[in-house]
Amino acid sequence: MILPEMNRRRWVTLNISIGVYMSTLDASIVNISLPTIIQSLNTHLTAVAWVVMAYLIVITGCLLLMGRLSDLFGQRKIYLLGFLTFTVGSALCGFSPTIYFLIGSRMLQGLGASALMANGPAILTAAFPEKERGQALGIVGSVVSAGFLTGPILGGFLVEHLGWRSVFFINLPIGAIGIYLSSKVLERTVPTGKTRVDLWGALLLFFFVTSLLLFLNRMAQGSTPLLWLWLFFNLLCFSLFIMVELRSPSPLVDLKLFRRRLFISSLGASFLSFWMSAAHTFVIPFFLQSILEFSPSKVGMLIFPVALTVMVMAPFGGRFSDRVGVKIPATMGLALTSLAVFSFTLLKPGVNDLNILWRQIVLGIGISLFNPANNSAILGSLPREKVGLASSFLALSRNLGMVIGVAFAEMVIAFRLPAAPLERAKAGPSLEGIQDVWKLVLIIGLTAILISWARESKSNVSGGK
């Protein structure tokens, strides 16, 4: 399809937005359906938790591989295959007869989602000039928020009226549109190097992420042989991964990239930011529903203002970063996010809705300032031929932060649960355990602020290239 440059940018933005919307909508819709899946497939909470965790683990473990594949074979091809894989996985999820089939289908979905997440920002960055990049990424940030915003509302309606399987079938028409647009509006790119893929590195990275998550999940159960086995396996995989990358002629991760101060500091800030957000997102429903005893519908109404605020404010945050640079808006955003999350420790049973609402709005403003600026810094810190790898690192830091954030929150809460196994299985999160998460998140936030403020300016990086 031959289009004028301005129109092509709009179609590319729409195409990338569809992929982003589908993946974020899927995440928020699935969480709403979990209680119903437990009843429908006659399973238990531990098993159904892997419907979420398996998806995140595959995404996190495959992001760098997808970025590398896009640099070798072309972004258009890998992005289109990602759409196809995600859509097929969605269909299989909808037809799942057992919980284990559903978990396997979610892993296939995660494989497709990793291709979409790793390549979407890179395709968008290549389509827009540098002066418009922050605004374009801000638009995508709004689409992310729209997915999270509509997910609980749409998911609740679908589960109640059409059943839990419909939350996966909803992806089929969206995926079909995305596949069509990807085949028509994305430019064919010439591979940037020899078609060699570091499969050993990808496999070791996957095992490293998985074993790290399993280690964190076991920590709250005390010192057991299995806990130390997971730690040993985790350290072994990490050591082998570094050795393989240093010796590989075509490494999955070019370790020389970590000499770039702007790149590594922006990645670190992104990782810690999503760690904070994921930990808060995990505990806030328990606080509202279990501690304050709000209804599920009211819980949803008090949670969605974060996504609504980001959807409205992210484009303004992108424009702000285009004008003043990355450091100021990113650091301001992290400060607002950290203080907003920590302020929830001041809330007690009987608190009015307004005190919860304004904190959620401030949290959304902080995210709106940080994400567009920091994303632009990551994507702009490497040479243009490395943009696929930079995009996959961006998605890796986000998803790894989310996985660690959830596992971290579970671990902290579990330390407050009863020691007896039967009582522990029946007990829910306590107010003290939830507050412990919010307090520790402040330490993570302060670390992220220091990293963000210490980063190099773009001009210094450009001058050093």
Protein backbone atom coordinates (compact mmCIF):
# COMPACT_ATOMS: atom_id res chain seq x y z
CA MET A 1 0.00 0.00 0.00
CA ILE A 2 1.57 3.28 -1.17
CA LEU A 3 0.60 6.17 1.11
CA PRO A 4 1.80 9.76 1.60
CA GLU A 5 4.31 9.96 4.45
CA MET A 6 1.96 11.76 6.87
CA ASN A 7 -0.91 9.32 6.22
CA ARG A 8 1.44 6.35 6.50
CA ARG A 9 2.55 7.52 9.94
CA ARG A 10 -1.07 7.66 11.04
CA TRP A 11 -1.77 4.15 9.76
CA VAL A 12 1.40 2.85 11.41
CA THR A 13 0.37 4.50 14.69
CA LEU A 14 -3.08 2.89 14.39
CA ASN A 15 -1.52 -0.52 13.67
CA ILE A 16 0.88 -0.35 16.62
CA SER A 17 -1.94 0.96 18.83
CA ILE A 18 -4.09 -2.08 17.96
CA GLY A 19 -1.31 -4.44 19.02
CA VAL A 20 -0.71 -2.53 22.23
CA TYR A 21 -4.44 -2.31 22.98
CA MET A 22 -5.00 -6.02 22.38
CA SER A 23 -2.17 -7.09 24.70
CA THR A 24 -3.11 -4.70 27.53
CA LEU A 25 -6.83 -5.40 27.17
CA ASP A 26 -6.11 -9.12 27.39
CA ALA A 27 -4.14 -8.73 30.61
CA SER A 28 -6.81 -6.71 32.42
CA ILE A 29 -9.72 -8.79 31.11
CA VAL A 30 -8.13 -12.09 32.16
CA ASN A 31 -7.67 -10.93 35.76
CA ILE A 32 -11.40 -10.24 36.00
CA SER A 33 -12.22 -13.75 34.75
CA LEU A 34 -10.01 -15.76 37.14
CA PRO A 35 -12.64 -16.47 39.83
CA THR A 36 -15.04 -17.73 37.17
CA ILE A 37 -12.35 -19.90 35.57
CA ILE A 38 -11.74 -21.58 38.94
CA GLN A 39 -15.38 -22.66 39.09
CA SER A 40 -15.78 -23.51 35.40
CA LEU A 41 -12.65 -25.68 35.09
CA ASN A 42 -12.95 -27.06 38.65
CA THR A 43 -9.47 -25.95 39.67
CA HIS A 44 -7.84 -24.01 42.50
CA LEU A 45 -6.19 -20.63 43.08
CA THR A 46 -2.59 -21.88 42.81
CA ALA A 47 -3.22 -23.39 39.38
CA VAL A 48 -5.24 -20.48 38.03
CA ALA A 49 -2.50 -18.05 39.11
CA TRP A 50 -0.32 -19.63 36.44
CA VAL A 51 -2.77 -18.41 33.80
CA VAL A 52 -1.29 -14.98 34.55
CA MET A 53 2.25 -15.96 35.51
CA ALA A 54 2.94 -18.28 32.55
CA TYR A 55 1.95 -15.48 30.17
CA LEU A 56 4.30 -12.99 31.85
CA ILE A 57 7.19 -15.45 32.12
CA VAL A 58 7.11 -16.29 28.40
CA ILE A 59 6.88 -12.62 27.45
CA THR A 60 9.77 -11.68 29.71
CA GLY A 61 11.95 -14.59 28.62
CA CYS A 62 11.39 -14.07 24.87
CA LEU A 63 11.49 -10.28 24.50
CA LEU A 64 15.20 -9.98 23.73
CA LEU A 65 15.01 -12.91 21.32
CA MET A 66 12.18 -11.19 19.44
CA GLY A 67 14.15 -7.94 19.31
CA ARG A 68 17.14 -9.80 17.92
CA LEU A 69 14.99 -11.64 15.36
CA SER A 70 13.51 -8.34 14.18
CA ASP A 71 16.99 -6.90 13.65
CA LEU A 72 17.96 -9.99 11.65
CA PHE A 73 14.80 -10.74 9.65
CA GLY A 74 12.97 -7.40 9.65
CA GLN A 75 10.52 -5.78 12.06
CA ARG A 76 7.51 -6.18 9.75
CA LYS A 77 7.86 -9.97 9.47
CA ILE A 78 8.32 -10.58 13.21
CA TYR A 79 5.54 -8.15 14.15
CA LEU A 80 3.12 -9.83 11.73
CA LEU A 81 4.03 -13.28 13.05
CA GLY A 82 3.45 -11.95 16.56
CA PHE A 83 -0.08 -10.88 15.65
CA LEU A 84 -0.79 -14.29 14.08
CA THR A 85 0.58 -16.22 17.07
CA PHE A 86 -1.28 -14.10 19.62
CA THR A 87 -4.57 -14.46 17.75
CA VAL A 88 -4.22 -18.25 17.39
CA GLY A 89 -3.29 -18.50 21.08
CA SER A 90 -6.40 -16.49 21.98
CA ALA A 91 -8.61 -18.91 20.06
CA LEU A 92 -7.01 -21.90 21.79
CA CYS A 93 -7.50 -20.22 25.20
CA GLY A 94 -11.20 -19.78 24.43
CA PHE A 95 -11.60 -23.47 23.54
CA SER A 96 -9.53 -24.77 26.51
CA PRO A 97 -11.08 -27.90 28.09
CA THR A 98 -8.75 -27.97 31.14
CA ILE A 99 -6.72 -25.53 33.21
CA TYR A 100 -3.47 -27.02 31.91
CA PHE A 101 -4.51 -26.59 28.28
CA LEU A 102 -5.41 -22.99 29.13
CA ILE A 103 -1.98 -22.38 30.71
CA GLY A 104 -0.26 -23.83 27.62
CA SER A 105 -2.39 -21.66 25.34
CA ARG A 106 -1.51 -18.61 27.43
CA MET A 107 2.16 -19.42 26.90
CA LEU A 108 1.52 -19.35 23.14
CA GLN A 109 -0.23 -16.02 23.59
CA GLY A 110 2.79 -14.77 25.50
CA LEU A 111 5.08 -15.77 22.64
CA GLY A 112 3.02 -13.64 20.25
CA ALA A 113 2.74 -10.79 22.73
CA SER A 114 6.53 -10.70 23.16
CA ALA A 115 6.92 -10.07 19.41
CA LEU A 116 4.32 -7.27 19.52
CA MET A 117 5.84 -5.63 22.61
CA ALA A 118 9.44 -5.89 21.42
CA ASN A 119 8.79 -4.40 17.98
CA GLY A 120 5.90 -1.96 18.39
CA PRO A 121 7.86 0.98 19.86
CA ALA A 122 10.75 0.38 17.43
CA ILE A 123 8.45 0.51 14.38
CA LEU A 124 6.84 3.68 15.71
CA THR A 125 10.22 5.29 16.44
CA ALA A 126 11.44 4.56 12.91
CA ALA A 127 8.27 6.06 11.39
CA PHE A 128 8.50 9.45 13.18
CA PRO A 129 11.23 12.11 13.19
CA GLU A 130 13.03 12.63 16.49
CA LYS A 131 11.18 15.86 17.36
CA GLU A 132 7.81 14.05 17.20
CA ARG A 133 8.92 10.82 18.86
CA GLY A 134 7.88 11.73 22.40
CA GLN A 135 4.38 12.70 21.28
CA ALA A 136 3.98 9.47 19.29
CA LEU A 137 5.10 7.39 22.27
CA GLY A 138 2.73 9.41 24.44
CA ILE A 139 -0.16 8.43 22.16
CA VAL A 140 0.77 4.77 22.58
CA GLY A 141 0.91 5.37 26.34
CA SER A 142 -2.67 6.57 26.13
CA VAL A 143 -3.63 3.40 24.25
CA VAL A 144 -2.02 1.29 26.99
CA SER A 145 -4.16 3.10 29.53
CA ALA A 146 -7.25 2.68 27.36
CA GLY A 147 -6.65 -1.08 27.35
CA PHE A 148 -6.32 -1.23 31.11
CA LEU A 149 -9.24 1.19 31.48
CA THR A 150 -11.74 -0.70 29.33
CA GLY A 151 -10.53 -4.17 30.39
CA PRO A 152 -12.28 -4.39 33.78
CA ILE A 153 -15.51 -2.84 32.44
CA LEU A 154 -15.63 -4.92 29.25
CA GLY A 155 -14.36 -8.03 31.02
CA GLY A 156 -17.01 -7.84 33.72
CA PHE A 157 -19.74 -7.52 31.10
CA LEU A 158 -18.42 -10.38 28.96
CA VAL A 159 -17.89 -12.78 31.88
CA GLU A 160 -21.32 -12.05 33.32
CA HIS A 161 -23.30 -12.29 30.06
CA LEU A 162 -21.22 -14.45 27.67
CA GLY A 163 -18.93 -16.49 29.93
CA TRP A 164 -15.19 -16.40 30.61
CA ARG A 165 -14.25 -17.84 27.22
CA SER A 166 -15.51 -14.69 25.52
CA VAL A 167 -12.68 -12.64 27.08
CA PHE A 168 -10.30 -14.56 24.81
CA PHE A 169 -12.57 -14.67 21.75
CA ILE A 170 -12.79 -10.85 21.83
CA ASN A 171 -9.17 -10.84 20.60
CA LEU A 172 -10.05 -12.58 17.33
CA PRO A 173 -11.65 -9.65 15.44
CA ILE A 174 -9.10 -7.22 16.89
CA GLY A 175 -6.26 -9.53 15.84
CA ALA A 176 -7.70 -9.93 12.33
CA ILE A 177 -7.69 -6.14 11.85
CA GLY A 178 -4.12 -5.91 13.18
CA ILE A 179 -2.91 -8.68 10.86
CA TYR A 180 -4.47 -6.96 7.84
CA LEU A 181 -2.98 -3.56 8.68
CA SER A 182 0.46 -5.06 9.42
CA SER A 183 0.53 -6.68 5.98
CA LYS A 184 -0.51 -3.45 4.23
CA VAL A 185 1.03 -0.42 5.97
CA LEU A 186 4.30 -1.62 7.50
CA GLU A 187 7.38 -1.14 5.35
CA ARG A 188 9.48 -4.12 4.38
CA THR A 189 12.89 -3.69 5.98
CA VAL A 190 16.22 -5.07 4.90
CA PRO A 191 17.82 -7.40 7.50
CA THR A 192 20.68 -5.66 9.31
CA GLY A 193 22.99 -8.64 9.66
CA LYS A 194 23.59 -12.35 9.13
CA THR A 195 20.68 -14.56 10.17
CA ARG A 196 22.31 -16.08 13.25
CA VAL A 197 20.28 -16.37 16.44
CA ASP A 198 21.68 -16.95 19.92
CA LEU A 199 19.28 -19.73 20.94
CA TRP A 200 21.40 -20.82 23.92
CA GLY A 201 21.35 -17.28 25.24
CA ALA A 202 17.58 -17.05 24.79
CA LEU A 203 17.06 -20.39 26.55
CA LEU A 204 19.31 -19.47 29.48
CA LEU A 205 17.61 -16.08 29.86
CA PHE A 206 14.21 -17.79 29.95
CA PHE A 207 15.38 -20.23 32.64
CA PHE A 208 16.97 -17.39 34.60
CA VAL A 209 13.74 -15.37 34.71
CA THR A 210 11.60 -18.41 35.52
CA SER A 211 13.85 -19.67 38.32
CA LEU A 212 14.10 -16.15 39.80
CA LEU A 213 10.32 -15.91 39.96
CA LEU A 214 9.99 -19.37 41.52
CA PHE A 215 12.69 -18.49 44.07
CA LEU A 216 10.81 -15.34 45.12
CA ASN A 217 7.55 -17.28 45.40
CA ARG A 218 9.20 -19.79 47.76
CA MET A 219 10.97 -17.26 50.02
CA ALA A 220 7.99 -16.57 52.27
CA GLN A 221 7.71 -20.31 53.06
CA GLY A 222 11.01 -20.23 54.88
CA SER A 223 14.32 -21.96 54.32
CA THR A 224 13.68 -25.22 52.45
CA PRO A 225 15.89 -27.37 50.20
CA LEU A 226 13.73 -26.42 47.20
CA LEU A 227 14.26 -22.70 47.91
CA TRP A 228 18.05 -23.07 47.81
CA LEU A 229 17.81 -25.32 44.76
CA TRP A 230 15.98 -22.57 42.85
CA LEU A 231 18.58 -20.02 44.00
CA PHE A 232 21.46 -22.23 42.86
CA PHE A 233 19.78 -22.88 39.52
CA ASN A 234 19.08 -19.16 39.10
CA LEU A 235 22.70 -18.17 39.72
CA LEU A 236 23.90 -20.98 37.45
CA CYS A 237 21.68 -19.83 34.58
CA PHE A 238 22.79 -16.22 35.03
CA SER A 239 26.50 -17.18 35.05
CA LEU A 240 26.12 -19.40 31.99
CA PHE A 241 24.15 -16.66 30.22
CA ILE A 242 26.98 -14.14 30.73
CA MET A 243 29.56 -16.68 29.53
CA VAL A 244 27.54 -17.55 26.42
CA GLU A 245 26.97 -13.89 25.53
CA LEU A 246 30.67 -13.05 25.88
CA ARG A 247 31.68 -15.89 23.56
CA SER A 248 28.82 -15.78 21.05
CA PRO A 249 29.64 -14.27 17.61
CA SER A 250 26.03 -13.04 17.43
CA PRO A 251 24.97 -12.50 21.06
CA LEU A 252 21.39 -12.02 22.17
CA VAL A 253 22.61 -9.22 24.45
CA ASP A 254 25.53 -7.04 23.39
CA LEU A 255 27.08 -6.47 26.81
CA LYS A 256 28.94 -3.44 25.43
CA LEU A 257 25.60 -1.61 25.36
CA PHE A 258 25.68 -1.43 29.15
CA ARG A 259 28.64 0.94 28.90
CA ARG A 260 26.18 3.58 27.69
CA ARG A 261 25.17 5.45 30.83
CA LEU A 262 21.94 6.89 29.42
CA PHE A 263 20.82 3.46 28.20
CA ILE A 264 21.52 1.52 31.41
CA SER A 265 20.20 4.22 33.77
CA SER A 266 16.98 4.57 31.76
CA LEU A 267 16.50 0.80 31.75
CA GLY A 268 17.09 0.64 35.51
CA ALA A 269 14.62 3.43 36.17
CA SER A 270 12.02 1.70 33.96
CA PHE A 271 12.49 -1.63 35.76
CA LEU A 272 12.09 -0.08 39.22
CA SER A 273 9.12 2.04 38.12
CA PHE A 274 7.16 -0.97 36.90
CA TRP A 275 8.20 -2.90 40.01
CA MET A 276 6.52 -0.17 42.09
CA SER A 277 3.42 0.01 39.92
CA ALA A 278 2.95 -3.77 39.74
CA ALA A 279 3.31 -4.22 43.50
CA HIS A 280 0.72 -1.49 44.13
CA THR A 281 -1.63 -2.83 41.45
CA PHE A 282 -1.45 -6.28 43.05
CA VAL A 283 -2.29 -5.19 46.61
CA ILE A 284 -4.80 -2.38 46.03
CA PRO A 285 -7.75 -4.70 45.15
CA PHE A 286 -7.16 -6.68 48.36
CA PHE A 287 -7.03 -3.46 50.36
CA LEU A 288 -10.26 -2.13 48.87
CA GLN A 289 -12.22 -5.39 48.85
CA SER A 290 -10.87 -7.37 51.81
CA ILE A 291 -9.92 -4.58 54.23
CA LEU A 292 -12.39 -1.82 53.35
CA GLU A 293 -15.06 -4.37 52.27
CA PHE A 294 -16.01 -2.51 49.08
CA SER A 295 -18.01 -4.31 46.37
CA PRO A 296 -16.13 -5.53 43.25
CA SER A 297 -17.83 -2.91 41.09
CA LYS A 298 -16.79 -0.13 43.47
CA VAL A 299 -13.25 -1.51 43.55
CA GLY A 300 -13.13 -1.26 39.76
CA MET A 301 -14.38 2.33 39.85
CA LEU A 302 -11.64 3.31 42.31
CA ILE A 303 -8.88 1.54 40.38
CA PHE A 304 -9.59 2.81 36.86
CA PRO A 305 -8.79 6.52 37.57
CA VAL A 306 -5.07 5.66 37.32
CA ALA A 307 -5.45 4.40 33.76
CA LEU A 308 -7.86 7.21 32.88
CA THR A 309 -5.38 9.84 34.11
CA VAL A 310 -2.51 8.26 32.16
CA MET A 311 -4.65 8.06 29.01
CA VAL A 312 -5.39 11.79 29.21
CA MET A 313 -2.02 13.03 30.46
CA ALA A 314 0.54 10.80 28.67
CA PRO A 315 0.54 12.83 25.41
CA PHE A 316 1.18 16.00 27.43
CA GLY A 317 3.99 14.21 29.25
CA GLY A 318 5.48 13.27 25.88
CA ARG A 319 5.35 16.86 24.62
CA PHE A 320 6.89 18.08 27.89
CA SER A 321 9.84 15.70 27.46
CA ASP A 322 10.26 16.78 23.83
CA ARG A 323 10.68 20.38 25.01
CA VAL A 324 12.76 20.12 28.19
CA GLY A 325 14.52 16.77 27.82
CA VAL A 326 14.23 13.48 29.64
CA LYS A 327 15.72 14.02 33.09
CA ILE A 328 13.28 16.54 34.63
CA PRO A 329 9.90 14.97 33.65
CA ALA A 330 11.11 11.41 34.32
CA THR A 331 12.44 12.27 37.80
CA MET A 332 9.35 14.33 38.66
CA GLY A 333 7.17 11.41 37.58
CA LEU A 334 9.06 8.93 39.76
CA ALA A 335 8.83 11.25 42.76
CA LEU A 336 5.05 11.63 42.36
CA THR A 337 4.62 7.89 41.87
CA SER A 338 6.68 6.98 44.95
CA LEU A 339 4.96 9.48 47.25
CA ALA A 340 1.48 8.62 45.98
CA VAL A 341 1.98 4.89 46.64
CA PHE A 342 3.56 5.50 50.06
CA SER A 343 0.67 7.81 51.05
CA PHE A 344 -1.67 4.79 50.99
CA THR A 345 -0.05 3.67 54.26
CA LEU A 346 -1.91 6.56 55.94
CA LEU A 347 -5.34 5.14 54.99
CA LYS A 348 -7.31 3.23 57.60
CA PRO A 349 -10.65 1.36 57.58
CA GLY A 350 -13.49 3.85 57.23
CA VAL A 351 -11.60 6.17 54.85
CA ASN A 352 -13.77 8.08 52.40
CA ASP A 353 -13.61 7.53 48.65
CA LEU A 354 -12.13 10.97 47.90
CA ASN A 355 -8.95 10.21 49.87
CA ILE A 356 -8.41 7.12 47.71
CA LEU A 357 -9.38 8.85 44.48
CA TRP A 358 -6.93 11.76 44.64
CA ARG A 359 -4.05 9.41 45.41
CA GLN A 360 -4.87 7.32 42.34
CA ILE A 361 -5.00 10.46 40.17
CA VAL A 362 -1.61 11.68 41.44
CA LEU A 363 -0.20 8.21 40.74
CA GLY A 364 -1.53 8.45 37.17
CA ILE A 365 0.09 11.88 36.68
CA GLY A 366 3.43 10.52 37.88
CA ILE A 367 3.27 7.63 35.43
CA SER A 368 2.29 10.03 32.62
CA LEU A 369 5.38 12.15 33.22
CA PHE A 370 7.82 9.27 33.56
CA ASN A 371 6.92 6.74 30.85
CA PRO A 372 7.03 8.82 27.62
CA ALA A 373 10.24 10.59 28.65
CA ASN A 374 12.04 7.45 29.79
CA ASN A 375 10.89 5.38 26.81
CA SER A 376 12.20 8.05 24.45
CA ALA A 377 15.55 8.02 26.29
CA ILE A 378 15.93 4.23 25.91
CA LEU A 379 15.00 4.17 22.23
CA GLY A 380 17.12 7.21 21.41
CA SER A 381 20.24 6.12 23.29
CA LEU A 382 21.35 3.50 20.75
CA PRO A 383 22.25 3.74 17.05
CA ARG A 384 19.35 3.43 14.62
CA GLU A 385 20.36 -0.07 13.50
CA LYS A 386 20.03 -1.22 17.14
CA VAL A 387 16.51 0.18 17.61
CA GLY A 388 14.92 -3.29 17.58
CA LEU A 389 17.17 -4.40 20.41
CA ALA A 390 16.52 -1.16 22.32
CA SER A 391 12.77 -1.69 21.95
CA SER A 392 13.01 -5.25 23.24
CA PHE A 393 15.08 -4.09 26.22
CA LEU A 394 12.39 -1.50 26.96
CA ALA A 395 9.69 -4.17 26.97
CA LEU A 396 11.94 -6.53 28.96
CA SER A 397 12.48 -3.96 31.73
CA ARG A 398 8.73 -3.34 31.87
CA ASN A 399 7.69 -6.99 32.04
CA LEU A 400 10.52 -8.08 34.32
CA GLY A 401 9.58 -5.21 36.64
CA MET A 402 5.95 -6.34 36.60
CA VAL A 403 6.83 -9.98 37.29
CA ILE A 404 9.22 -9.08 40.12
CA GLY A 405 6.71 -6.56 41.51
CA VAL A 406 3.94 -9.13 41.82
CA ALA A 407 6.27 -11.79 43.25
CA PHE A 408 7.73 -9.21 45.65
CA ALA A 409 4.28 -8.14 46.89
CA GLU A 410 3.21 -11.77 47.36
CA MET A 411 6.40 -12.49 49.31
CA VAL A 412 6.02 -9.48 51.63
CA ILE A 413 2.35 -10.23 52.33
CA ALA A 414 3.11 -13.90 52.96
CA PHE A 415 5.47 -13.03 55.82
CA ARG A 416 2.40 -11.78 57.75
CA LEU A 417 0.32 -14.92 57.11
CA PRO A 418 -0.15 -17.64 59.78
CA ALA A 419 2.57 -20.27 59.98
CA ALA A 420 0.18 -23.26 60.05
CA PRO A 421 -0.38 -24.59 56.49
CA LEU A 422 -4.18 -24.94 56.80
CA GLU A 423 -4.63 -21.49 58.33
CA ARG A 424 -2.19 -20.03 55.80
CA ALA A 425 -4.19 -21.42 52.87
CA LYS A 426 -7.43 -19.86 54.12
CA ALA A 427 -6.00 -16.52 55.28
CA GLY A 428 -6.12 -13.41 53.14
CA PRO A 429 -3.74 -10.46 53.05
CA SER A 430 -3.71 -8.42 56.27
CA LEU A 431 -3.70 -4.64 56.51
CA GLU A 432 -0.22 -4.78 58.03
CA GLY A 433 1.09 -6.95 55.18
CA ILE A 434 -0.34 -4.61 52.53
CA GLN A 435 1.14 -1.58 54.32
CA ASP A 436 4.53 -3.33 54.43
CA VAL A 437 4.42 -3.53 50.62
CA TRP A 438 3.67 0.20 50.29
CA LYS A 439 6.46 1.11 52.73
CA LEU A 440 9.07 -0.98 50.95
CA VAL A 441 7.95 0.42 47.60
CA LEU A 442 9.12 3.86 48.80
CA ILE A 443 12.69 2.52 49.06
CA ILE A 444 12.45 1.19 45.52
CA GLY A 445 11.09 4.56 44.38
CA LEU A 446 13.91 6.53 45.99
CA THR A 447 16.45 4.28 44.27
CA ALA A 448 14.72 4.88 40.92
CA ILE A 449 14.76 8.66 41.51
CA LEU A 450 18.52 8.64 42.15
CA ILE A 451 19.16 6.56 39.01
CA SER A 452 16.95 8.81 36.89
CA TRP A 453 18.53 12.04 38.08
CA ALA A 454 22.07 10.71 37.63
CA ARG A 455 21.53 9.80 33.95
CA GLU A 456 23.44 11.56 31.19
CA SER A 457 21.82 14.18 29.00
CA LYS A 458 21.10 13.23 25.39
CA SER A 459 23.58 15.78 24.10
CA ASN A 460 26.42 14.11 25.97
CA VAL A 461 25.50 10.75 24.51
CA SER A 462 25.25 12.14 21.01
CA GLY A 463 28.59 13.79 21.37
CA GLY A 464 30.16 10.53 22.42
CA LYS A 465 28.93 8.49 19.47
